[in-house]
């Protein structure tokens, strides 16, 4: 199992510093399962390059068995000369495994459903049969010299005894990593922590977590998996994937930046995140959500008077992330009924105007009066500020 580095000077709350988990970026596998995704080969290569420039450690690609073009795309990305290691995702059978190796990827992700629901409705195998199939596929891949991960699909609805039997056999066969998949997003953070912790402490192998967002817990579940010992976390740009998708790359980066800003900034090109998300959103024909972590249009905007006053004095008063780390700026919203005089005076300063407290308060009061009956825009606000200055000049 990978060592977890510990030293003093860790997170802002004083916990022990630990090495960040590797990101397995699955936009080109899980993301292709998003209802609006239909990437061309050139688009896949573009996304792969952007993710590589950002600094993700792994790219997970659609199974080459999915279609002839999927196989060609897999081989093309594997040969693209990226720093990130390339992986592909296959069923637990020798045919898939052979084709995966032939594409030239660095690693193969084997997956098979283990819950009663999937054993009944998907492949029909018993736990013993799953273990038997693993015994055929894993040795072939190990012998082929690729990185091997063995994952149970729908891990959270699988009995712990069955999981341990399956994973213990996979470890005995030489896998580099086991995968825990909350395939239907049913897991609670504490449950994820308990399961990953049990596996990490019992088995001498790295642990990967793949969490779906059906109940809005994907980022929290991924974080709890890491806290419990997971060494690899699956993400996708904007969280795209089957149904409501998985842990979003931006959300994961935001969470880990709060935990250890220095490690995150050393490892990833944070200033590329916004452009990466905009490009993928454009290919999908969707907008970056207004409340997306870091990159959403409201992410670093401040509106209420008490917020803007404090942020103007010290941004950390109401920000746990620094927009400058991501090449972004904060926005102080002023033209609305919640505005305060500090925000008005700050806007005046941006215009190159000195406005004393008395006149700033008068402008703020007028903005509030107008905003109670109509929408006030930035031009109106600036006009009120200019009028206040002109009044001063007339009096003088």
Foldseek 3Di string as FASTA:
>chain_A
DDDWDFDFDFFPVGDTHTAAFAEAAECQAQVCQFPLDDDDLVRVLVLLVLVLQQFGQEYEHEQCVPDVVSLVSLLCSLPVPGNHFYEYEDELAQVSLVSRVVSNGQAYEYEEAAAPVCCVPPVVDHLVVLLVSLVVRLLVRVVSNHAYEYEHECQVRHDLVSVCVNVVSNVVSPHQEYEYENNQQPDDQVSLLVSLLVCQVPDPHAYEYWHFCPPPCQLSNQVSSVVSGHRYYYEYDLQHGNPRHHHHPLSNLLVVCSRGVVSSLVRGQLLSNLVSNCVVCVSSVHHNDLPRDLNHVQNQEDEAAVQVVVCVVPVVVPDSDDNVSRVDDHHYDAQALRHDLVSLQVVCVVVVHHDDSVLSRVLSVVSNVVRVPDGGDPVNSVVSVVVSVVVVVVVD
